[in-house]
Amino acid sequence: MPPNEVETDKTWQIRYHALIERYANIIRGQIFGHTHTDHIVIMRGITHPEHITGILYILPQLGVFTASNPSFRIFDLDN
């Protein structure tokens, strides 16, 4: 579940954001599911909101959900 969702525990959100901000120079992407929609979220710093600390790739569902078709993504990473 992405850290920006309403159902996500606020304490967990704060800790997750702090970790991402601390290791932003190492973490290159974050992949999430659960929302049933396909979108990208720009994560900003807690202490410095003007800094982008990460990109969240929120993927669509694999199964059928109300008013949306199943889909999938294939990621090809170059190390």
C-alpha atoms as a PDB file:
ATOM      1  CA  MET A   1       0.000   0.000   0.000  1.00  0.00           C
ATOM      2  CA  PRO A   2       1.486   3.383  -0.932  1.00  0.00           C
ATOM      3  CA  PRO A   3       2.429   5.678   1.956  1.00  0.00           C
ATOM      4  CA  ASN A   4       0.175   8.473   0.693  1.00  0.00           C
ATOM      5  CA  GLU A   5      -3.096   6.555   1.030  1.00  0.00           C
ATOM      6  CA  VAL A   6      -5.826   7.551   3.495  1.00  0.00           C
ATOM      7  CA  GLU A   7      -5.964   4.009   4.958  1.00  0.00           C
ATOM      8  CA  THR A   8      -2.227   3.989   5.710  1.00  0.00           C
ATOM      9  CA  ASP A   9      -1.206   4.440   9.355  1.00  0.00           C
ATOM     10  CA  LYS A  10       0.181   7.962   9.938  1.00  0.00           C
ATOM     11  CA  THR A  11       3.046   6.746  12.144  1.00  0.00           C
ATOM     12  CA  TRP A  12       4.161   4.357   9.407  1.00  0.00           C
ATOM     13  CA  GLN A  13       3.867   7.131   6.798  1.00  0.00           C
ATOM     14  CA  ILE A  14       6.155   9.429   8.779  1.00  0.00           C
ATOM     15  CA  ARG A  15       8.760   6.707   9.358  1.00  0.00           C
ATOM     16  CA  TYR A  16       8.656   5.595   5.729  1.00  0.00           C
ATOM     17  CA  HIS A  17       9.055   9.165   4.460  1.00  0.00           C
ATOM     18  CA  ALA A  18      11.992   9.712   6.849  1.00  0.00           C
ATOM     19  CA  LEU A  19      13.746   6.568   5.556  1.00  0.00           C
ATOM     20  CA  ILE A  20      13.171   7.514   1.928  1.00  0.00           C
ATOM     21  CA  GLU A  21      14.450  11.033   2.569  1.00  0.00           C
ATOM     22  CA  ARG A  22      17.536   9.719   4.361  1.00  0.00           C
ATOM     23  CA  TYR A  23      18.428   7.216   1.606  1.00  0.00           C
ATOM     24  CA  ALA A  24      17.167   9.195  -1.413  1.00  0.00           C
ATOM     25  CA  ASN A  25      20.630   8.995  -2.983  1.00  0.00           C
ATOM     26  CA  ILE A  26      20.409   5.161  -3.025  1.00  0.00           C
ATOM     27  CA  ILE A  27      16.723   4.377  -3.677  1.00  0.00           C
ATOM     28  CA  ARG A  28      15.861   4.774  -7.365  1.00  0.00           C
ATOM     29  CA  GLY A  29      12.201   3.820  -7.404  1.00  0.00           C
ATOM     30  CA  GLN A  30       9.364   2.491  -5.294  1.00  0.00           C
ATOM     31  CA  ILE A  31       6.759   0.089  -6.632  1.00  0.00           C
ATOM     32  CA  PHE A  32       3.354  -0.283  -4.981  1.00  0.00           C
ATOM     33  CA  GLY A  33      -0.041  -1.790  -5.641  1.00  0.00           C
ATOM     34  CA  HIS A  34      -3.393  -1.861  -3.832  1.00  0.00           C
ATOM     35  CA  THR A  35      -5.034   1.259  -5.299  1.00  0.00           C
ATOM     36  CA  HIS A  36      -6.393  -0.439  -8.472  1.00  0.00           C
ATOM     37  CA  THR A  37      -5.256   2.473 -10.639  1.00  0.00           C
ATOM     38  CA  ASP A  38      -2.116   3.131 -12.646  1.00  0.00           C
ATOM     39  CA  HIS A  39      -0.330   6.321 -11.621  1.00  0.00           C
ATOM     40  CA  ILE A  40       2.932   7.912 -10.523  1.00  0.00           C
ATOM     41  CA  VAL A  41       3.408  10.010  -7.365  1.00  0.00           C
ATOM     42  CA  ILE A  42       6.289  12.395  -6.684  1.00  0.00           C
ATOM     43  CA  MET A  43       7.459  12.111  -3.055  1.00  0.00           C
ATOM     44  CA  ARG A  44       8.810  15.261  -1.420  1.00  0.00           C
ATOM     45  CA  GLY A  45      10.967  15.631   1.674  1.00  0.00           C
ATOM     46  CA  ILE A  46       9.512  16.101   5.141  1.00  0.00           C
ATOM     47  CA  THR A  47      12.088  18.597   6.357  1.00  0.00           C
ATOM     48  CA  HIS A  48      12.680  20.122   2.892  1.00  0.00           C
ATOM     49  CA  PRO A  49       9.456  19.882   0.847  1.00  0.00           C
ATOM     50  CA  GLU A  50      11.141  21.630  -2.080  1.00  0.00           C
ATOM     51  CA  HIS A  51      13.334  18.519  -2.622  1.00  0.00           C
ATOM     52  CA  ILE A  52      12.040  15.522  -4.525  1.00  0.00           C
ATOM     53  CA  THR A  53      13.035  12.413  -2.572  1.00  0.00           C
ATOM     54  CA  GLY A  54      11.436   9.684  -4.638  1.00  0.00           C
ATOM     55  CA  ILE A  55       9.078   8.485  -7.319  1.00  0.00           C
ATOM     56  CA  LEU A  56       6.301   6.026  -6.476  1.00  0.00           C
ATOM     57  CA  TYR A  57       5.082   3.772  -9.267  1.00  0.00           C
ATOM     58  CA  ILE A  58       1.590   2.665  -8.253  1.00  0.00           C
ATOM     59  CA  LEU A  59       0.518  -0.206 -10.437  1.00  0.00           C
ATOM     60  CA  PRO A  60      -2.957  -1.289 -11.526  1.00  0.00           C
ATOM     61  CA  GLN A  61      -4.641  -4.515 -10.447  1.00  0.00           C
ATOM     62  CA  LEU A  62      -4.202  -7.927 -12.047  1.00  0.00           C
ATOM     63  CA  GLY A  63      -7.804  -8.954 -11.462  1.00  0.00           C
ATOM     64  CA  VAL A  64     -11.103  -7.423 -12.473  1.00  0.00           C
ATOM     65  CA  PHE A  65     -12.257  -4.565 -10.255  1.00  0.00           C
ATOM     66  CA  THR A  66     -15.297  -2.301 -10.496  1.00  0.00           C
ATOM     67  CA  ALA A  67     -15.270  -0.379 -13.806  1.00  0.00           C
ATOM     68  CA  SER A  68     -11.639  -1.208 -14.688  1.00  0.00           C
ATOM     69  CA  ASN A  69      -9.883  -3.889 -16.662  1.00  0.00           C
ATOM     70  CA  PRO A  70      -6.977  -6.012 -15.420  1.00  0.00           C
ATOM     71  CA  SER A  71      -3.485  -5.023 -16.527  1.00  0.00           C
ATOM     72  CA  PHE A  72       0.159  -5.669 -15.719  1.00  0.00           C
ATOM     73  CA  ARG A  73       3.601  -4.087 -16.098  1.00  0.00           C
ATOM     74  CA  ILE A  74       6.928  -5.576 -17.062  1.00  0.00           C
ATOM     75  CA  PHE A  75       9.953  -3.713 -15.746  1.00  0.00           C
ATOM     76  CA  ASP A  76      13.304  -4.212 -17.431  1.00  0.00           C
ATOM     77  CA  LEU A  77      16.012  -2.864 -15.141  1.00  0.00           C
ATOM     78  CA  ASP A  78      19.539  -2.093 -16.240  1.00  0.00           C
ATOM     79  CA  ASN A  79      21.903  -2.428 -13.298  1.00  0.00           C
END
